[in-house]
Amino acid sequence: MMNSSPKCKYNLFVFEWESSFLAFNISVLMKLLDFIKFKRWFMAMNTHLNLNKTLLNKSNFC
């Protein structure tokens, strides 16, 4: 005859909370990584566009 003690219920609750918190942290980290990738891509595109602008400006002077 096993009675579920409050401590056991509490541990289960903490475990469930921690696992959901971990999942939440992982999703936040993935979003952050996506944002960093996007920012890096955006910076690369920006420098690419700036290079094109300078090339166009130089060709205008010819």
PDB file of N, CA and C in Angstrom:
ATOM      1  N   MET A   1       0.840  -1.204   0.000  1.00  0.00           N
ATOM      2  CA  MET A   1       0.000   0.000   0.000  1.00  0.00           C
ATOM      3  C   MET A   1       0.872   1.250   0.000  1.00  0.00           C
ATOM      4  N   MET A   2       0.939   1.905  -1.148  1.00  0.00           N
ATOM      5  CA  MET A   2       1.799   3.095  -1.248  1.00  0.00           C
ATOM      6  C   MET A   2       0.956   4.361  -1.196  1.00  0.00           C
ATOM      7  N   ASN A   3       1.321   5.254  -0.297  1.00  0.00           N
ATOM      8  CA  ASN A   3       0.646   6.546  -0.256  1.00  0.00           C
ATOM      9  C   ASN A   3       1.575   7.584  -0.878  1.00  0.00           C
ATOM     10  N   SER A   4       1.040   8.413  -1.752  1.00  0.00           N
ATOM     11  CA  SER A   4       1.877   9.434  -2.396  1.00  0.00           C
ATOM     12  C   SER A   4       2.082  10.584  -1.411  1.00  0.00           C
ATOM     13  N   SER A   5       3.301  10.692  -0.972  1.00  0.00           N
ATOM     14  CA  SER A   5       3.607  11.744  -0.001  1.00  0.00           C
ATOM     15  C   SER A   5       3.672  13.090  -0.709  1.00  0.00           C
ATOM     16  N   PRO A   6       3.470  14.181   0.040  1.00  0.00           N
ATOM     17  CA  PRO A   6       3.573  15.516  -0.581  1.00  0.00           C
ATOM     18  C   PRO A   6       4.942  15.765  -1.206  1.00  0.00           C
ATOM     19  N   LYS A   7       5.991  15.196  -0.592  1.00  0.00           N
ATOM     20  CA  LYS A   7       7.344  15.391  -1.115  1.00  0.00           C
ATOM     21  C   LYS A   7       7.454  14.784  -2.514  1.00  0.00           C
ATOM     22  N   CYS A   8       6.880  13.605  -2.688  1.00  0.00           N
ATOM     23  CA  CYS A   8       6.926  12.941  -3.990  1.00  0.00           C
ATOM     24  C   CYS A   8       6.186  13.779  -5.028  1.00  0.00           C
ATOM     25  N   LYS A   9       5.015  14.263  -4.671  1.00  0.00           N
ATOM     26  CA  LYS A   9       4.252  15.115  -5.598  1.00  0.00           C
ATOM     27  C   LYS A   9       5.039  16.382  -5.930  1.00  0.00           C
ATOM     28  N   TYR A  10       5.674  16.942  -4.907  1.00  0.00           N
ATOM     29  CA  TYR A  10       6.454  18.167  -5.107  1.00  0.00           C
ATOM     30  C   TYR A  10       7.605  17.910  -6.076  1.00  0.00           C
ATOM     31  N   ASN A  11       8.309  16.777  -5.895  1.00  0.00           N
ATOM     32  CA  ASN A  11       9.429  16.448  -6.782  1.00  0.00           C
ATOM     33  C   ASN A  11       8.958  16.290  -8.225  1.00  0.00           C
ATOM     34  N   LEU A  12       7.811  15.652  -8.401  1.00  0.00           N
ATOM     35  CA  LEU A  12       7.260  15.470  -9.742  1.00  0.00           C
ATOM     36  C   LEU A  12       6.931  16.831 -10.353  1.00  0.00           C
ATOM     37  N   PHE A  13       6.342  17.698  -9.546  1.00  0.00           N
ATOM     38  CA  PHE A  13       5.998  19.037 -10.021  1.00  0.00           C
ATOM     39  C   PHE A  13       7.254  19.794 -10.435  1.00  0.00           C
ATOM     40  N   VAL A  14       8.295  19.723  -9.606  1.00  0.00           N
ATOM     41  CA  VAL A  14       9.554  20.413  -9.912  1.00  0.00           C
ATOM     42  C   VAL A  14      10.168  19.848 -11.178  1.00  0.00           C
ATOM     43  N   PHE A  15      10.116  18.532 -11.335  1.00  0.00           N
ATOM     44  CA  PHE A  15      10.676  17.907 -12.529  1.00  0.00           C
ATOM     45  C   PHE A  15       9.931  18.377 -13.769  1.00  0.00           C
ATOM     46  N   GLU A  16       8.595  18.395 -13.686  1.00  0.00           N
ATOM     47  CA  GLU A  16       7.803  18.853 -14.840  1.00  0.00           C
ATOM     48  C   GLU A  16       8.113  20.307 -15.155  1.00  0.00           C
ATOM     49  N   TRP A  17       8.232  21.127 -14.124  1.00  0.00           N
ATOM     50  CA  TRP A  17       8.502  22.550 -14.318  1.00  0.00           C
ATOM     51  C   TRP A  17       9.879  22.746 -14.936  1.00  0.00           C
ATOM     52  N   GLU A  18      10.862  21.981 -14.422  1.00  0.00           N
ATOM     53  CA  GLU A  18      12.222  22.120 -14.950  1.00  0.00           C
ATOM     54  C   GLU A  18      12.304  21.681 -16.401  1.00  0.00           C
ATOM     55  N   SER A  19      11.609  20.593 -16.741  1.00  0.00           N
ATOM     56  CA  SER A  19      11.673  20.128 -18.130  1.00  0.00           C
ATOM     57  C   SER A  19      10.999  21.122 -19.064  1.00  0.00           C
ATOM     58  N   SER A  20       9.888  21.716 -18.626  1.00  0.00           N
ATOM     59  CA  SER A  20       9.238  22.710 -19.483  1.00  0.00           C
ATOM     60  C   SER A  20      10.104  23.963 -19.585  1.00  0.00           C
ATOM     61  N   PHE A  21      10.762  24.313 -18.491  1.00  0.00           N
ATOM     62  CA  PHE A  21      11.657  25.473 -18.499  1.00  0.00           C
ATOM     63  C   PHE A  21      12.824  25.232 -19.445  1.00  0.00           C
ATOM     64  N   LEU A  22      13.346  24.004 -19.432  1.00  0.00           N
ATOM     65  CA  LEU A  22      14.453  23.643 -20.324  1.00  0.00           C
ATOM     66  C   LEU A  22      14.013  23.741 -21.784  1.00  0.00           C
ATOM     67  N   ALA A  23      12.806  23.239 -22.070  1.00  0.00           N
ATOM     68  CA  ALA A  23      12.289  23.315 -23.437  1.00  0.00           C
ATOM     69  C   ALA A  23      12.139  24.779 -23.851  1.00  0.00           C
ATOM     70  N   PHE A  24      11.660  25.593 -22.922  1.00  0.00           N
ATOM     71  CA  PHE A  24      11.501  27.023 -23.199  1.00  0.00           C
ATOM     72  C   PHE A  24      12.854  27.660 -23.487  1.00  0.00           C
ATOM     73  N   ASN A  25      13.860  27.325 -22.673  1.00  0.00           N
ATOM     74  CA  ASN A  25      15.203  27.867 -22.875  1.00  0.00           C
ATOM     75  C   ASN A  25      15.763  27.451 -24.226  1.00  0.00           C
ATOM     76  N   ILE A  26      15.531  26.202 -24.613  1.00  0.00           N
ATOM     77  CA  ILE A  26      16.044  25.712 -25.899  1.00  0.00           C
ATOM     78  C   ILE A  26      15.394  26.485 -27.043  1.00  0.00           C
ATOM     79  N   SER A  27      14.072  26.714 -26.936  1.00  0.00           N
ATOM     80  CA  SER A  27      13.394  27.455 -28.015  1.00  0.00           C
ATOM     81  C   SER A  27      13.907  28.887 -28.074  1.00  0.00           C
ATOM     82  N   VAL A  28      14.163  29.489 -26.915  1.00  0.00           N
ATOM     83  CA  VAL A  28      14.704  30.853 -26.896  1.00  0.00           C
ATOM     84  C   VAL A  28      16.088  30.873 -27.524  1.00  0.00           C
ATOM     85  N   LEU A  29      16.908  29.876 -27.197  1.00  0.00           N
ATOM     86  CA  LEU A  29      18.254  29.803 -27.770  1.00  0.00           C
ATOM     87  C   LEU A  29      18.194  29.639 -29.285  1.00  0.00           C
ATOM     88  N   MET A  30      17.260  28.823 -29.775  1.00  0.00           N
ATOM     89  CA  MET A  30      17.124  28.635 -31.216  1.00  0.00           C
ATOM     90  C   MET A  30      16.712  29.941 -31.891  1.00  0.00           C
ATOM     91  N   LYS A  31      15.788  30.672 -31.256  1.00  0.00           N
ATOM     92  CA  LYS A  31      15.380  31.961 -31.815  1.00  0.00           C
ATOM     93  C   LYS A  31      16.544  32.929 -31.839  1.00  0.00           C
ATOM     94  N   LEU A  32      17.345  32.900 -30.770  1.00  0.00           N
ATOM     95  CA  LEU A  32      18.502  33.782 -30.688  1.00  0.00           C
ATOM     96  C   LEU A  32      19.510  33.433 -31.784  1.00  0.00           C
ATOM     97  N   LEU A  33      19.731  32.141 -31.991  1.00  0.00           N
ATOM     98  CA  LEU A  33      20.650  31.708 -33.049  1.00  0.00           C
ATOM     99  C   LEU A  33      20.138  32.140 -34.412  1.00  0.00           C
ATOM    100  N   ASP A  34      18.839  31.982 -34.643  1.00  0.00           N
ATOM    101  CA  ASP A  34      18.250  32.424 -35.911  1.00  0.00           C
ATOM    102  C   ASP A  34      18.449  33.921 -36.097  1.00  0.00           C
ATOM    103  N   PHE A  35      18.254  34.670 -35.007  1.00  0.00           N
ATOM    104  CA  PHE A  35      18.420  36.124 -35.078  1.00  0.00           C
ATOM    105  C   PHE A  35      19.867  36.478 -35.402  1.00  0.00           C
ATOM    106  N   ILE A  36      20.820  35.765 -34.773  1.00  0.00           N
ATOM    107  CA  ILE A  36      22.241  36.039 -35.031  1.00  0.00           C
ATOM    108  C   ILE A  36      22.570  35.709 -36.482  1.00  0.00           C
ATOM    109  N   LYS A  37      22.053  34.576 -36.959  1.00  0.00           N
ATOM    110  CA  LYS A  37      22.281  34.201 -38.365  1.00  0.00           C
ATOM    111  C   LYS A  37      21.714  35.256 -39.293  1.00  0.00           C
ATOM    112  N   PHE A  38      20.487  35.702 -38.986  1.00  0.00           N
ATOM    113  CA  PHE A  38      19.841  36.709 -39.830  1.00  0.00           C
ATOM    114  C   PHE A  38      20.630  38.005 -39.788  1.00  0.00           C
ATOM    115  N   LYS A  39      21.101  38.380 -38.592  1.00  0.00           N
ATOM    116  CA  LYS A  39      21.850  39.623 -38.457  1.00  0.00           C
ATOM    117  C   LYS A  39      23.155  39.533 -39.255  1.00  0.00           C
ATOM    118  N   ARG A  40      23.815  38.373 -39.163  1.00  0.00           N
ATOM    119  CA  ARG A  40      25.063  38.171 -39.900  1.00  0.00           C
ATOM    120  C   ARG A  40      24.804  38.253 -41.397  1.00  0.00           C
ATOM    121  N   TRP A  41      23.702  37.605 -41.837  1.00  0.00           N
ATOM    122  CA  TRP A  41      23.348  37.633 -43.260  1.00  0.00           C
ATOM    123  C   TRP A  41      23.024  39.060 -43.685  1.00  0.00           C
ATOM    124  N   PHE A  42      22.291  39.773 -42.809  1.00  0.00           N
ATOM    125  CA  PHE A  42      21.915  41.154 -43.111  1.00  0.00           C
ATOM    126  C   PHE A  42      23.152  42.034 -43.219  1.00  0.00           C
ATOM    127  N   MET A  43      24.114  41.834 -42.297  1.00  0.00           N
ATOM    128  CA  MET A  43      25.353  42.618 -42.341  1.00  0.00           C
ATOM    129  C   MET A  43      26.123  42.301 -43.616  1.00  0.00           C
ATOM    130  N   ALA A  44      26.156  41.033 -43.982  1.00  0.00           N
ATOM    131  CA  ALA A  44      26.862  40.639 -45.199  1.00  0.00           C
ATOM    132  C   ALA A  44      26.201  41.280 -46.424  1.00  0.00           C
ATOM    133  N   MET A  45      24.874  41.244 -46.452  1.00  0.00           N
ATOM    134  CA  MET A  45      24.161  41.869 -47.567  1.00  0.00           C
ATOM    135  C   MET A  45      24.407  43.373 -47.587  1.00  0.00           C
ATOM    136  N   ASN A  46      24.453  43.966 -46.412  1.00  0.00           N
ATOM    137  CA  ASN A  46      24.677  45.405 -46.308  1.00  0.00           C
ATOM    138  C   ASN A  46      26.045  45.771 -46.870  1.00  0.00           C
ATOM    139  N   THR A  47      27.081  45.026 -46.488  1.00  0.00           N
ATOM    140  CA  THR A  47      28.421  45.322 -46.999  1.00  0.00           C
ATOM    141  C   THR A  47      28.461  45.068 -48.504  1.00  0.00           C
ATOM    142  N   HIS A  48      27.755  44.028 -48.956  1.00  0.00           N
ATOM    143  CA  HIS A  48      27.696  43.723 -50.378  1.00  0.00           C
ATOM    144  C   HIS A  48      27.066  44.896 -51.139  1.00  0.00           C
ATOM    145  N   LEU A  49      25.963  45.405 -50.608  1.00  0.00           N
ATOM    146  CA  LEU A  49      25.288  46.537 -51.257  1.00  0.00           C
ATOM    147  C   LEU A  49      26.165  47.783 -51.227  1.00  0.00           C
ATOM    148  N   ASN A  50      26.847  47.997 -50.104  1.00  0.00           N
ATOM    149  CA  ASN A  50      27.728  49.160 -50.006  1.00  0.00           C
ATOM    150  C   ASN A  50      28.875  49.054 -50.996  1.00  0.00           C
ATOM    151  N   LEU A  51      29.403  47.844 -51.168  1.00  0.00           N
ATOM    152  CA  LEU A  51      30.463  47.640 -52.153  1.00  0.00           C
ATOM    153  C   LEU A  51      29.945  47.955 -53.553  1.00  0.00           C
ATOM    154  N   ASN A  52      28.736  47.488 -53.840  1.00  0.00           N
ATOM    155  CA  ASN A  52      28.143  47.769 -55.150  1.00  0.00           C
ATOM    156  C   ASN A  52      27.968  49.259 -55.360  1.00  0.00           C
ATOM    157  N   LYS A  53      27.541  49.965 -54.309  1.00  0.00           N
ATOM    158  CA  LYS A  53      27.364  51.411 -54.423  1.00  0.00           C
ATOM    159  C   LYS A  53      28.683  52.098 -54.711  1.00  0.00           C
ATOM    160  N   THR A  54      29.744  51.701 -54.003  1.00  0.00           N
ATOM    161  CA  THR A  54      31.046  52.342 -54.221  1.00  0.00           C
ATOM    162  C   THR A  54      31.560  52.023 -55.620  1.00  0.00           C
ATOM    163  N   LEU A  55      31.327  50.797 -56.077  1.00  0.00           N
ATOM    164  CA  LEU A  55      31.747  50.445 -57.434  1.00  0.00           C
ATOM    165  C   LEU A  55      30.992  51.279 -58.462  1.00  0.00           C
ATOM    166  N   LEU A  56      29.682  51.452 -58.215  1.00  0.00           N
ATOM    167  CA  LEU A  56      28.883  52.273 -59.141  1.00  0.00           C
ATOM    168  C   LEU A  56      29.368  53.722 -59.128  1.00  0.00           C
ATOM    169  N   ASN A  57      29.670  54.223 -57.942  1.00  0.00           N
ATOM    170  CA  ASN A  57      30.151  55.603 -57.847  1.00  0.00           C
ATOM    171  C   ASN A  57      31.486  55.769 -58.565  1.00  0.00           C
ATOM    172  N   LYS A  58      32.355  54.769 -58.413  1.00  0.00           N
ATOM    173  CA  LYS A  58      33.661  54.840 -59.091  1.00  0.00           C
ATOM    174  C   LYS A  58      33.485  54.779 -60.607  1.00  0.00           C
ATOM    175  N   SER A  59      32.535  53.945 -61.046  1.00  0.00           N
ATOM    176  CA  SER A  59      32.331  53.832 -62.494  1.00  0.00           C
ATOM    177  C   SER A  59      31.724  55.117 -63.053  1.00  0.00           C
ATOM    178  N   ASN A  60      30.983  55.844 -62.218  1.00  0.00           N
ATOM    179  CA  ASN A  60      30.419  57.120 -62.682  1.00  0.00           C
ATOM    180  C   ASN A  60      31.510  58.154 -62.922  1.00  0.00           C
ATOM    181  N   PHE A  61      32.599  58.049 -62.160  1.00  0.00           N
ATOM    182  CA  PHE A  61      33.668  59.037 -62.303  1.00  0.00           C
ATOM    183  C   PHE A  61      34.486  58.820 -63.566  1.00  0.00           C
ATOM    184  N   CYS A  62      34.435  57.620 -64.118  1.00  0.00           N
ATOM    185  CA  CYS A  62      35.270  57.318 -65.286  1.00  0.00           C
ATOM    186  C   CYS A  62      34.880  58.161 -66.491  1.00  0.00           C
TER     187      CYS A  62
END
